[in-house]
Amino acid sequence: MVDVNEKERIVQEVFAITGMAVPENDALVLAALFYSHKLQETARDAVSQINMASASTRAVIDAAAALVQKSATNNKVLADTIESRVKKAVREASRIDSSGDGPPTGWRGVLAGIAFGILLTGGVVGIACNFNRSLFSDARLGAEWRWVLPTLPPDLRDKLIVQSRLIVNAFNE
């Protein structure tokens, strides 16, 4: 629907900018009205999409906050459980006398848990640090190189040393 006030405003703006009077039914005025309407529709759509994205972002943030809160609660419960078990183990350890009976059966579980934790931690660290056995093979190769190098002819040995230094320098850069 064409707004009469909008037509008058466009005609006045064209006159203010160019100094030319344009009739309200001119094609220029109609094109300006059409593009103004399209621009307003596009702006409304953009605002709607921004509001939807904002609501989605808020929902994700709320869900993440709830997950963090739940994780913190679970970690607190786990920490309390571990603390109570450690206190119990310490109490049992204090009861051990020097009669040579050995640790109580509860200690076996604690020691097994500690050993498992150490192994698990070592495995996680190994995976996280991308640990592999190439470090050992590289060290063995270096040791073999050190033993073979003196047995080579002098000019071949000098060329190999120069090449290996170039490779090491390129690798370090």
C-alpha atoms as a PDB file:
ATOM      1  CA  MET A   1       0.000   0.000   0.000  1.00  0.00           C
ATOM      2  CA  VAL A   2       1.381   3.407  -1.007  1.00  0.00           C
ATOM      3  CA  ASP A   3       1.681   5.899   1.837  1.00  0.00           C
ATOM      4  CA  VAL A   4       0.790   9.462   0.809  1.00  0.00           C
ATOM      5  CA  ASN A   5       2.946  10.973   3.551  1.00  0.00           C
ATOM      6  CA  GLU A   6       5.882   8.893   2.327  1.00  0.00           C
ATOM      7  CA  LYS A   7       5.349  10.186  -1.251  1.00  0.00           C
ATOM      8  CA  GLU A   8       5.335  13.783  -0.021  1.00  0.00           C
ATOM      9  CA  ARG A   9       8.488  13.216   2.020  1.00  0.00           C
ATOM     10  CA  ILE A  10      10.327  11.759  -0.999  1.00  0.00           C
ATOM     11  CA  VAL A  11       9.212  14.623  -3.256  1.00  0.00           C
ATOM     12  CA  GLN A  12      10.429  17.153  -0.659  1.00  0.00           C
ATOM     13  CA  GLU A  13      13.778  15.374  -0.241  1.00  0.00           C
ATOM     14  CA  VAL A  14      14.337  15.274  -4.021  1.00  0.00           C
ATOM     15  CA  PHE A  15      13.541  19.011  -4.199  1.00  0.00           C
ATOM     16  CA  ALA A  16      15.819  19.783  -1.233  1.00  0.00           C
ATOM     17  CA  ILE A  17      18.723  17.866  -2.769  1.00  0.00           C
ATOM     18  CA  THR A  18      18.324  18.742  -6.488  1.00  0.00           C
ATOM     19  CA  GLY A  19      16.168  21.861  -6.498  1.00  0.00           C
ATOM     20  CA  MET A  20      13.813  20.162  -8.979  1.00  0.00           C
ATOM     21  CA  ALA A  21      10.126  19.696  -8.296  1.00  0.00           C
ATOM     22  CA  VAL A  22       8.994  16.150  -9.042  1.00  0.00           C
ATOM     23  CA  PRO A  23       5.323  15.156  -9.215  1.00  0.00           C
ATOM     24  CA  GLU A  24       4.142  12.559  -6.706  1.00  0.00           C
ATOM     25  CA  ASN A  25       3.245  10.096  -9.486  1.00  0.00           C
ATOM     26  CA  ASP A  26       6.685  10.284 -11.124  1.00  0.00           C
ATOM     27  CA  ALA A  27       8.468   6.967 -11.730  1.00  0.00           C
ATOM     28  CA  LEU A  28      11.377   8.161  -9.599  1.00  0.00           C
ATOM     29  CA  VAL A  29       9.099   8.591  -6.585  1.00  0.00           C
ATOM     30  CA  LEU A  30       7.510   5.174  -7.150  1.00  0.00           C
ATOM     31  CA  ALA A  31      10.949   3.521  -7.464  1.00  0.00           C
ATOM     32  CA  ALA A  32      12.102   5.233  -4.272  1.00  0.00           C
ATOM     33  CA  LEU A  33       8.971   4.027  -2.479  1.00  0.00           C
ATOM     34  CA  PHE A  34       9.486   0.489  -3.799  1.00  0.00           C
ATOM     35  CA  TYR A  35      13.137   0.312  -2.723  1.00  0.00           C
ATOM     36  CA  SER A  36      12.338   1.933   0.620  1.00  0.00           C
ATOM     37  CA  HIS A  37       9.708  -0.745   1.220  1.00  0.00           C
ATOM     38  CA  LYS A  38      12.134  -3.537   0.206  1.00  0.00           C
ATOM     39  CA  LEU A  39      14.840  -2.094   2.450  1.00  0.00           C
ATOM     40  CA  GLN A  40      12.448  -1.989   5.409  1.00  0.00           C
ATOM     41  CA  GLU A  41      11.389  -5.606   4.763  1.00  0.00           C
ATOM     42  CA  THR A  42      15.031  -6.699   4.595  1.00  0.00           C
ATOM     43  CA  ALA A  43      15.811  -4.842   7.824  1.00  0.00           C
ATOM     44  CA  ARG A  44      12.859  -6.528   9.582  1.00  0.00           C
ATOM     45  CA  ASP A  45      14.041  -9.942   8.339  1.00  0.00           C
ATOM     46  CA  ALA A  46      17.609  -9.236   9.503  1.00  0.00           C
ATOM     47  CA  VAL A  47      16.402  -8.138  12.937  1.00  0.00           C
ATOM     48  CA  SER A  48      14.241 -11.262  13.170  1.00  0.00           C
ATOM     49  CA  GLN A  49      17.187 -13.509  12.265  1.00  0.00           C
ATOM     50  CA  ILE A  50      19.431 -11.709  14.751  1.00  0.00           C
ATOM     51  CA  ASN A  51      16.819 -12.168  17.480  1.00  0.00           C
ATOM     52  CA  MET A  52      16.499 -15.885  16.654  1.00  0.00           C
ATOM     53  CA  ALA A  53      20.295 -16.308  16.706  1.00  0.00           C
ATOM     54  CA  SER A  54      20.464 -14.410  19.989  1.00  0.00           C
ATOM     55  CA  ALA A  55      17.796 -16.659  21.517  1.00  0.00           C
ATOM     56  CA  SER A  56      19.648 -19.759  20.286  1.00  0.00           C
ATOM     57  CA  THR A  57      22.918 -18.443  21.692  1.00  0.00           C
ATOM     58  CA  ARG A  58      21.246 -17.698  25.021  1.00  0.00           C
ATOM     59  CA  ALA A  59      19.837 -21.231  25.122  1.00  0.00           C
ATOM     60  CA  VAL A  60      23.255 -22.736  24.400  1.00  0.00           C
ATOM     61  CA  ILE A  61      24.908 -20.562  27.064  1.00  0.00           C
ATOM     62  CA  ASP A  62      22.220 -21.509  29.602  1.00  0.00           C
ATOM     63  CA  ALA A  63      22.684 -25.202  28.785  1.00  0.00           C
ATOM     64  CA  ALA A  64      26.466 -24.880  29.096  1.00  0.00           C
ATOM     65  CA  ALA A  65      26.119 -23.095  32.426  1.00  0.00           C
ATOM     66  CA  ALA A  66      23.816 -25.844  33.690  1.00  0.00           C
ATOM     67  CA  LEU A  67      26.304 -28.466  32.522  1.00  0.00           C
ATOM     68  CA  VAL A  68      29.170 -26.674  34.272  1.00  0.00           C
ATOM     69  CA  GLN A  69      27.092 -26.415  37.449  1.00  0.00           C
ATOM     70  CA  LYS A  70      26.209 -30.118  37.294  1.00  0.00           C
ATOM     71  CA  SER A  71      29.849 -31.020  36.641  1.00  0.00           C
ATOM     72  CA  ALA A  72      30.975 -28.888  39.583  1.00  0.00           C
ATOM     73  CA  THR A  73      28.418 -30.598  41.829  1.00  0.00           C
ATOM     74  CA  ASN A  74      29.520 -34.044  40.631  1.00  0.00           C
ATOM     75  CA  ASN A  75      33.179 -33.127  41.166  1.00  0.00           C
ATOM     76  CA  LYS A  76      32.374 -31.935  44.691  1.00  0.00           C
ATOM     77  CA  VAL A  77      30.627 -35.227  45.480  1.00  0.00           C
ATOM     78  CA  LEU A  78      33.539 -37.181  44.007  1.00  0.00           C
ATOM     79  CA  ALA A  79      36.066 -35.117  45.966  1.00  0.00           C
ATOM     80  CA  ASP A  80      34.106 -35.689  49.186  1.00  0.00           C
ATOM     81  CA  THR A  81      33.988 -39.435  48.497  1.00  0.00           C
ATOM     82  CA  ILE A  82      37.719 -39.586  47.810  1.00  0.00           C
ATOM     83  CA  GLU A  83      38.430 -37.529  50.919  1.00  0.00           C
ATOM     84  CA  SER A  84      36.363 -39.835  53.116  1.00  0.00           C
ATOM     85  CA  ARG A  85      38.080 -42.911  51.650  1.00  0.00           C
ATOM     86  CA  VAL A  86      41.532 -41.406  52.200  1.00  0.00           C
ATOM     87  CA  LYS A  87      40.635 -40.538  55.805  1.00  0.00           C
ATOM     88  CA  LYS A  88      39.406 -44.089  56.342  1.00  0.00           C
ATOM     89  CA  ALA A  89      42.611 -45.505  54.833  1.00  0.00           C
ATOM     90  CA  VAL A  90      44.712 -43.250  57.067  1.00  0.00           C
ATOM     91  CA  ARG A  91      42.760 -44.397  60.143  1.00  0.00           C
ATOM     92  CA  GLU A  92      43.278 -48.031  59.160  1.00  0.00           C
ATOM     93  CA  ALA A  93      46.962 -47.408  58.492  1.00  0.00           C
ATOM     94  CA  SER A  94      47.393 -45.926  61.938  1.00  0.00           C
ATOM     95  CA  ARG A  95      46.088 -49.204  63.453  1.00  0.00           C
ATOM     96  CA  ILE A  96      48.826 -51.313  61.855  1.00  0.00           C
ATOM     97  CA  ASP A  97      51.180 -52.534  64.526  1.00  0.00           C
ATOM     98  CA  SER A  98      54.657 -53.914  64.208  1.00  0.00           C
ATOM     99  CA  SER A  99      53.516 -57.521  64.558  1.00  0.00           C
ATOM    100  CA  GLY A 100      54.172 -58.139  60.880  1.00  0.00           C
ATOM    101  CA  ASP A 101      50.566 -58.980  59.998  1.00  0.00           C
ATOM    102  CA  GLY A 102      50.830 -56.729  56.944  1.00  0.00           C
ATOM    103  CA  PRO A 103      48.436 -54.117  55.719  1.00  0.00           C
ATOM    104  CA  PRO A 104      44.721 -54.623  56.181  1.00  0.00           C
ATOM    105  CA  THR A 105      42.695 -55.732  53.170  1.00  0.00           C
ATOM    106  CA  GLY A 106      41.362 -52.229  52.661  1.00  0.00           C
ATOM    107  CA  TRP A 107      44.869 -51.049  51.854  1.00  0.00           C
ATOM    108  CA  ARG A 108      45.164 -53.452  48.949  1.00  0.00           C
ATOM    109  CA  GLY A 109      42.312 -51.681  47.236  1.00  0.00           C
ATOM    110  CA  VAL A 110      43.828 -48.273  47.966  1.00  0.00           C
ATOM    111  CA  LEU A 111      47.216 -49.348  46.626  1.00  0.00           C
ATOM    112  CA  ALA A 112      45.615 -50.897  43.542  1.00  0.00           C
ATOM    113  CA  GLY A 113      43.677 -47.680  42.976  1.00  0.00           C
ATOM    114  CA  ILE A 114      46.804 -45.567  43.294  1.00  0.00           C
ATOM    115  CA  ALA A 115      48.700 -47.836  40.880  1.00  0.00           C
ATOM    116  CA  PHE A 116      45.826 -47.732  38.416  1.00  0.00           C
ATOM    117  CA  GLY A 117      45.662 -43.929  38.731  1.00  0.00           C
ATOM    118  CA  ILE A 118      49.383 -43.619  38.028  1.00  0.00           C
ATOM    119  CA  LEU A 119      49.095 -45.861  34.965  1.00  0.00           C
ATOM    120  CA  LEU A 120      46.014 -44.022  33.734  1.00  0.00           C
ATOM    121  CA  THR A 121      47.691 -40.641  34.223  1.00  0.00           C
ATOM    122  CA  GLY A 122      50.796 -41.843  32.372  1.00  0.00           C
ATOM    123  CA  GLY A 123      48.663 -43.070  29.493  1.00  0.00           C
ATOM    124  CA  VAL A 124      46.723 -39.813  29.252  1.00  0.00           C
ATOM    125  CA  VAL A 125      49.911 -37.753  29.371  1.00  0.00           C
ATOM    126  CA  GLY A 126      51.466 -40.014  26.733  1.00  0.00           C
ATOM    127  CA  ILE A 127      48.488 -39.552  24.426  1.00  0.00           C
ATOM    128  CA  ALA A 128      48.240 -35.818  25.083  1.00  0.00           C
ATOM    129  CA  CYS A 129      51.951 -35.295  24.372  1.00  0.00           C
ATOM    130  CA  ASN A 130      51.807 -37.433  21.232  1.00  0.00           C
ATOM    131  CA  PHE A 131      54.377 -39.761  22.795  1.00  0.00           C
ATOM    132  CA  ASN A 132      55.641 -42.518  20.555  1.00  0.00           C
ATOM    133  CA  ARG A 133      58.610 -44.797  20.381  1.00  0.00           C
ATOM    134  CA  SER A 134      60.321 -42.856  17.596  1.00  0.00           C
ATOM    135  CA  LEU A 135      62.265 -40.969  20.270  1.00  0.00           C
ATOM    136  CA  PHE A 136      63.983 -44.215  21.268  1.00  0.00           C
ATOM    137  CA  SER A 137      64.677 -45.220  17.664  1.00  0.00           C
ATOM    138  CA  ASP A 138      66.088 -41.746  16.953  1.00  0.00           C
ATOM    139  CA  ALA A 139      68.413 -42.060  19.938  1.00  0.00           C
ATOM    140  CA  ARG A 140      69.533 -45.516  18.828  1.00  0.00           C
ATOM    141  CA  LEU A 141      70.170 -44.187  15.298  1.00  0.00           C
ATOM    142  CA  GLY A 142      72.282 -41.351  16.760  1.00  0.00           C
ATOM    143  CA  ALA A 143      74.356 -43.837  18.773  1.00  0.00           C
ATOM    144  CA  GLU A 144      74.919 -46.007  15.718  1.00  0.00           C
ATOM    145  CA  TRP A 145      75.914 -42.943  13.678  1.00  0.00           C
ATOM    146  CA  ARG A 146      78.492 -42.034  16.305  1.00  0.00           C
ATOM    147  CA  TRP A 147      80.079 -45.504  16.021  1.00  0.00           C
ATOM    148  CA  VAL A 148      80.015 -45.733  12.212  1.00  0.00           C
ATOM    149  CA  LEU A 149      81.178 -42.202  11.392  1.00  0.00           C
ATOM    150  CA  PRO A 150      84.886 -42.666  12.371  1.00  0.00           C
ATOM    151  CA  THR A 151      85.172 -45.755  10.156  1.00  0.00           C
ATOM    152  CA  LEU A 152      84.158 -43.901   6.948  1.00  0.00           C
ATOM    153  CA  PRO A 153      86.667 -42.454   4.440  1.00  0.00           C
ATOM    154  CA  PRO A 154      87.607 -38.855   5.407  1.00  0.00           C
ATOM    155  CA  ASP A 155      86.063 -37.033   2.399  1.00  0.00           C
ATOM    156  CA  LEU A 156      82.789 -39.016   2.654  1.00  0.00           C
ATOM    157  CA  ARG A 157      82.710 -38.389   6.416  1.00  0.00           C
ATOM    158  CA  ASP A 158      83.207 -34.620   5.882  1.00  0.00           C
ATOM    159  CA  LYS A 159      80.400 -34.501   3.281  1.00  0.00           C
ATOM    160  CA  LEU A 160      78.022 -36.398   5.586  1.00  0.00           C
ATOM    161  CA  ILE A 161      78.828 -34.106   8.510  1.00  0.00           C
ATOM    162  CA  VAL A 162      78.173 -30.997   6.375  1.00  0.00           C
ATOM    163  CA  GLN A 163      74.870 -32.464   5.098  1.00  0.00           C
ATOM    164  CA  SER A 164      73.714 -33.500   8.566  1.00  0.00           C
ATOM    165  CA  ARG A 165      74.447 -30.007   9.917  1.00  0.00           C
ATOM    166  CA  LEU A 166      72.428 -28.476   7.068  1.00  0.00           C
ATOM    167  CA  ILE A 167      69.527 -30.804   7.855  1.00  0.00           C
ATOM    168  CA  VAL A 168      69.671 -30.063  11.570  1.00  0.00           C
ATOM    169  CA  ASN A 169      69.827 -26.302  10.931  1.00  0.00           C
ATOM    170  CA  ALA A 170      66.874 -26.484   8.522  1.00  0.00           C
ATOM    171  CA  PHE A 171      64.915 -28.567  11.027  1.00  0.00           C
ATOM    172  CA  ASN A 172      65.626 -26.135  13.873  1.00  0.00           C
ATOM    173  CA  GLU A 173      64.530 -23.089  11.884  1.00  0.00           C
END
